Amino acid sequence: MKSGDLVRYVERPRATLPKVVPRGKRPLGLVIFVKEKSLVDERESDVIMITILVKWANPKWNGKNGISEECKTDLEILQKL
């Protein structure tokens, strides 16, 4: 996944976290930026957290700054740049 890719939100029925996007909605968005952050726990093992900054076609799904931070597993690529 990279900047410029067209993505769609994927609803995961087994997810236990609260849903921000209303049930049954699968908005389209454009990947703006991919962020990778290395997290280190007490045992000095690395975990890489990947978040995707998306600009949704429907403005109400974007944050105050005009984009939304999403988990990579919540998105499917519809078209690569």
N, C-alpha and C. Protein backbone atom coordinates (compact mmCIF):
# COMPACT_ATOMS: atom_id res chain seq x y z
N MET A 1 0.86 -1.16 0.00
CA MET A 1 0.00 0.00 0.00
C MET A 1 0.90 1.23 0.00
N LYS A 2 0.58 2.21 -0.86
CA LYS A 2 1.39 3.41 -0.95
C LYS A 2 0.53 4.62 -1.30
N SER A 3 1.12 5.79 -1.20
CA SER A 3 0.41 7.03 -1.51
C SER A 3 -0.16 6.98 -2.92
N GLY A 4 -1.41 7.41 -3.05
CA GLY A 4 -2.08 7.42 -4.34
C GLY A 4 -2.96 6.22 -4.62
N ASP A 5 -2.86 5.16 -3.81
CA ASP A 5 -3.70 3.98 -4.00
C ASP A 5 -5.15 4.30 -3.63
N LEU A 6 -6.10 3.72 -4.36
CA LEU A 6 -7.52 3.84 -4.06
C LEU A 6 -7.90 2.68 -3.15
N VAL A 7 -8.50 2.98 -2.01
CA VAL A 7 -8.83 1.94 -1.03
C VAL A 7 -10.31 2.00 -0.65
N ARG A 8 -10.76 0.93 -0.04
CA ARG A 8 -12.12 0.84 0.48
C ARG A 8 -12.03 0.29 1.90
N TYR A 9 -12.90 0.78 2.76
CA TYR A 9 -12.98 0.28 4.14
C TYR A 9 -13.54 -1.13 4.14
N VAL A 10 -12.94 -2.01 4.95
CA VAL A 10 -13.40 -3.39 5.06
C VAL A 10 -14.01 -3.58 6.44
N GLU A 11 -15.23 -4.03 6.48
CA GLU A 11 -15.90 -4.27 7.75
C GLU A 11 -15.52 -5.66 8.25
N ARG A 12 -14.99 -5.70 9.46
CA ARG A 12 -14.58 -6.98 10.07
C ARG A 12 -15.62 -7.36 11.12
N PRO A 13 -16.46 -8.34 10.83
CA PRO A 13 -17.56 -8.66 11.75
C PRO A 13 -17.11 -9.13 13.13
N ARG A 14 -15.92 -9.70 13.25
CA ARG A 14 -15.47 -10.20 14.55
C ARG A 14 -14.69 -9.17 15.36
N ALA A 15 -14.53 -7.97 14.84
CA ALA A 15 -13.79 -6.93 15.55
C ALA A 15 -14.52 -6.56 16.84
N THR A 16 -13.77 -6.38 17.91
CA THR A 16 -14.37 -6.05 19.20
C THR A 16 -14.32 -4.55 19.49
N LEU A 17 -13.57 -3.82 18.68
CA LEU A 17 -13.48 -2.38 18.89
C LEU A 17 -14.74 -1.69 18.38
N PRO A 18 -15.07 -0.52 18.92
CA PRO A 18 -16.25 0.20 18.43
C PRO A 18 -16.08 0.59 16.96
N LYS A 19 -17.15 0.55 16.22
CA LYS A 19 -17.12 0.89 14.80
C LYS A 19 -17.36 2.38 14.64
N VAL A 20 -16.48 3.03 13.89
CA VAL A 20 -16.62 4.45 13.61
C VAL A 20 -17.46 4.65 12.36
N VAL A 21 -17.19 3.82 11.35
CA VAL A 21 -17.95 3.89 10.10
C VAL A 21 -19.25 3.11 10.30
N PRO A 22 -20.39 3.67 9.95
CA PRO A 22 -21.67 2.97 10.15
C PRO A 22 -21.71 1.61 9.46
N ARG A 23 -22.38 0.67 10.10
CA ARG A 23 -22.50 -0.69 9.57
C ARG A 23 -23.06 -0.68 8.15
N GLY A 24 -22.46 -1.50 7.30
CA GLY A 24 -22.93 -1.61 5.92
C GLY A 24 -22.36 -0.57 4.97
N LYS A 25 -21.59 0.39 5.50
CA LYS A 25 -20.98 1.42 4.66
C LYS A 25 -19.56 0.99 4.34
N ARG A 26 -19.17 1.14 3.09
CA ARG A 26 -17.80 0.80 2.68
C ARG A 26 -17.24 1.94 1.85
N PRO A 27 -16.85 3.02 2.53
CA PRO A 27 -16.41 4.22 1.82
C PRO A 27 -15.13 4.01 1.01
N LEU A 28 -14.98 4.84 -0.01
CA LEU A 28 -13.78 4.85 -0.83
C LEU A 28 -12.88 5.97 -0.35
N GLY A 29 -11.57 5.76 -0.46
CA GLY A 29 -10.63 6.79 -0.05
C GLY A 29 -9.33 6.70 -0.83
N LEU A 30 -8.53 7.71 -0.68
CA LEU A 30 -7.24 7.80 -1.34
C LEU A 30 -6.16 7.80 -0.27
N VAL A 31 -5.17 6.90 -0.43
CA VAL A 31 -4.06 6.85 0.52
C VAL A 31 -3.20 8.10 0.33
N ILE A 32 -3.02 8.84 1.42
CA ILE A 32 -2.21 10.05 1.40
C ILE A 32 -0.78 9.73 1.83
N PHE A 33 -0.64 8.92 2.87
CA PHE A 33 0.68 8.63 3.41
C PHE A 33 0.63 7.33 4.22
N VAL A 34 1.71 6.58 4.22
CA VAL A 34 1.84 5.37 5.02
C VAL A 34 2.87 5.64 6.11
N LYS A 35 2.47 5.46 7.37
CA LYS A 35 3.38 5.69 8.50
C LYS A 35 3.78 4.36 9.12
N GLU A 36 5.07 4.18 9.32
CA GLU A 36 5.58 3.01 10.03
C GLU A 36 6.30 3.51 11.27
N LYS A 37 5.96 2.90 12.41
CA LYS A 37 6.58 3.30 13.66
C LYS A 37 7.05 2.05 14.38
N SER A 38 8.29 2.07 14.83
CA SER A 38 8.86 0.95 15.56
C SER A 38 8.56 1.12 17.04
N LEU A 39 7.95 0.10 17.63
CA LEU A 39 7.63 0.11 19.06
C LEU A 39 8.49 -0.95 19.73
N VAL A 40 9.06 -0.63 20.87
CA VAL A 40 9.93 -1.57 21.58
C VAL A 40 9.29 -1.86 22.94
N ASP A 41 9.21 -3.16 23.28
CA ASP A 41 8.67 -3.51 24.60
C ASP A 41 9.83 -3.75 25.58
N GLU A 42 9.52 -4.18 26.79
CA GLU A 42 10.53 -4.38 27.84
C GLU A 42 11.58 -5.42 27.46
N ARG A 43 11.23 -6.37 26.62
CA ARG A 43 12.16 -7.44 26.25
C ARG A 43 13.03 -7.06 25.06
N GLU A 44 12.96 -5.78 24.66
CA GLU A 44 13.76 -5.27 23.55
C GLU A 44 13.43 -5.92 22.21
N SER A 45 12.21 -6.39 22.05
CA SER A 45 11.80 -6.91 20.74
C SER A 45 11.02 -5.81 20.03
N ASP A 46 11.25 -5.69 18.74
CA ASP A 46 10.60 -4.64 17.96
C ASP A 46 9.26 -5.09 17.40
N VAL A 47 8.34 -4.16 17.37
CA VAL A 47 7.06 -4.33 16.72
C VAL A 47 6.90 -3.14 15.79
N ILE A 48 6.52 -3.38 14.55
CA ILE A 48 6.32 -2.29 13.62
C ILE A 48 4.82 -2.05 13.47
N MET A 49 4.40 -0.84 13.80
CA MET A 49 3.00 -0.46 13.69
C MET A 49 2.83 0.35 12.40
N ILE A 50 1.91 -0.09 11.55
CA ILE A 50 1.67 0.59 10.28
C ILE A 50 0.29 1.23 10.32
N THR A 51 0.25 2.54 10.10
CA THR A 51 -1.02 3.23 9.99
C THR A 51 -1.06 3.94 8.64
N ILE A 52 -2.25 4.03 8.09
CA ILE A 52 -2.45 4.61 6.77
C ILE A 52 -3.27 5.89 6.92
N LEU A 53 -2.77 6.98 6.35
CA LEU A 53 -3.53 8.23 6.35
C LEU A 53 -4.35 8.26 5.06
N VAL A 54 -5.67 8.34 5.22
CA VAL A 54 -6.60 8.25 4.10
C VAL A 54 -7.45 9.51 4.02
N LYS A 55 -7.71 9.96 2.81
CA LYS A 55 -8.69 11.03 2.58
C LYS A 55 -9.91 10.35 1.97
N TRP A 56 -10.99 10.27 2.74
CA TRP A 56 -12.21 9.60 2.30
C TRP A 56 -12.99 10.48 1.33
N ALA A 57 -13.70 9.83 0.41
CA ALA A 57 -14.54 10.54 -0.56
C ALA A 57 -15.67 11.29 0.15
N ASN A 58 -16.17 10.73 1.23
CA ASN A 58 -17.21 11.39 2.03
C ASN A 58 -16.51 12.19 3.14
N PRO A 59 -16.53 13.51 3.08
CA PRO A 59 -15.79 14.34 4.04
C PRO A 59 -16.13 14.09 5.51
N LYS A 60 -17.32 13.60 5.82
CA LYS A 60 -17.67 13.40 7.23
C LYS A 60 -16.89 12.26 7.88
N TRP A 61 -16.25 11.40 7.07
CA TRP A 61 -15.42 10.32 7.62
C TRP A 61 -13.99 10.77 7.86
N ASN A 62 -13.64 11.97 7.43
CA ASN A 62 -12.30 12.51 7.67
C ASN A 62 -12.27 13.24 9.00
N GLY A 63 -11.08 13.37 9.56
CA GLY A 63 -10.92 14.10 10.81
C GLY A 63 -10.92 15.60 10.59
N LYS A 64 -10.65 16.34 11.63
CA LYS A 64 -10.64 17.80 11.55
C LYS A 64 -9.59 18.31 10.56
N ASN A 65 -8.50 17.56 10.41
CA ASN A 65 -7.44 17.96 9.50
C ASN A 65 -7.68 17.52 8.05
N GLY A 66 -8.84 16.89 7.80
CA GLY A 66 -9.20 16.50 6.44
C GLY A 66 -8.76 15.11 6.03
N ILE A 67 -8.10 14.39 6.95
CA ILE A 67 -7.70 13.01 6.67
C ILE A 67 -8.04 12.13 7.87
N SER A 68 -7.94 10.83 7.67
CA SER A 68 -8.27 9.88 8.72
C SER A 68 -7.12 8.89 8.86
N GLU A 69 -6.77 8.54 10.10
CA GLU A 69 -5.72 7.56 10.35
C GLU A 69 -6.36 6.19 10.51
N GLU A 70 -5.96 5.24 9.68
CA GLU A 70 -6.59 3.92 9.65
C GLU A 70 -5.57 2.81 9.85
N CYS A 71 -6.07 1.69 10.32
CA CYS A 71 -5.25 0.48 10.43
C CYS A 71 -5.20 -0.19 9.05
N LYS A 72 -4.03 -0.65 8.67
CA LYS A 72 -3.84 -1.26 7.35
C LYS A 72 -4.81 -2.43 7.12
N THR A 73 -5.09 -3.21 8.16
CA THR A 73 -5.95 -4.39 8.00
C THR A 73 -7.42 -4.02 7.78
N ASP A 74 -7.78 -2.75 7.98
CA ASP A 74 -9.16 -2.29 7.78
C ASP A 74 -9.40 -1.78 6.37
N LEU A 75 -8.37 -1.90 5.52
CA LEU A 75 -8.47 -1.36 4.15
C LEU A 75 -8.17 -2.42 3.12
N GLU A 76 -8.84 -2.33 1.98
CA GLU A 76 -8.50 -3.17 0.84
C GLU A 76 -8.17 -2.26 -0.33
N ILE A 77 -7.17 -2.65 -1.11
CA ILE A 77 -6.78 -1.86 -2.27
C ILE A 77 -7.70 -2.18 -3.43
N LEU A 78 -8.29 -1.15 -4.02
CA LEU A 78 -9.12 -1.31 -5.21
C LEU A 78 -8.32 -1.04 -6.47
N GLN A 79 -7.42 -0.08 -6.40
CA GLN A 79 -6.59 0.25 -7.55
C GLN A 79 -5.26 0.82 -7.06
N LYS A 80 -4.18 0.25 -7.55
CA LYS A 80 -2.86 0.77 -7.22
C LYS A 80 -2.51 1.94 -8.12
N LEU A 81 -1.71 2.85 -7.58
CA LEU A 81 -1.27 4.00 -8.36
C LEU A 81 -0.35 3.56 -9.48
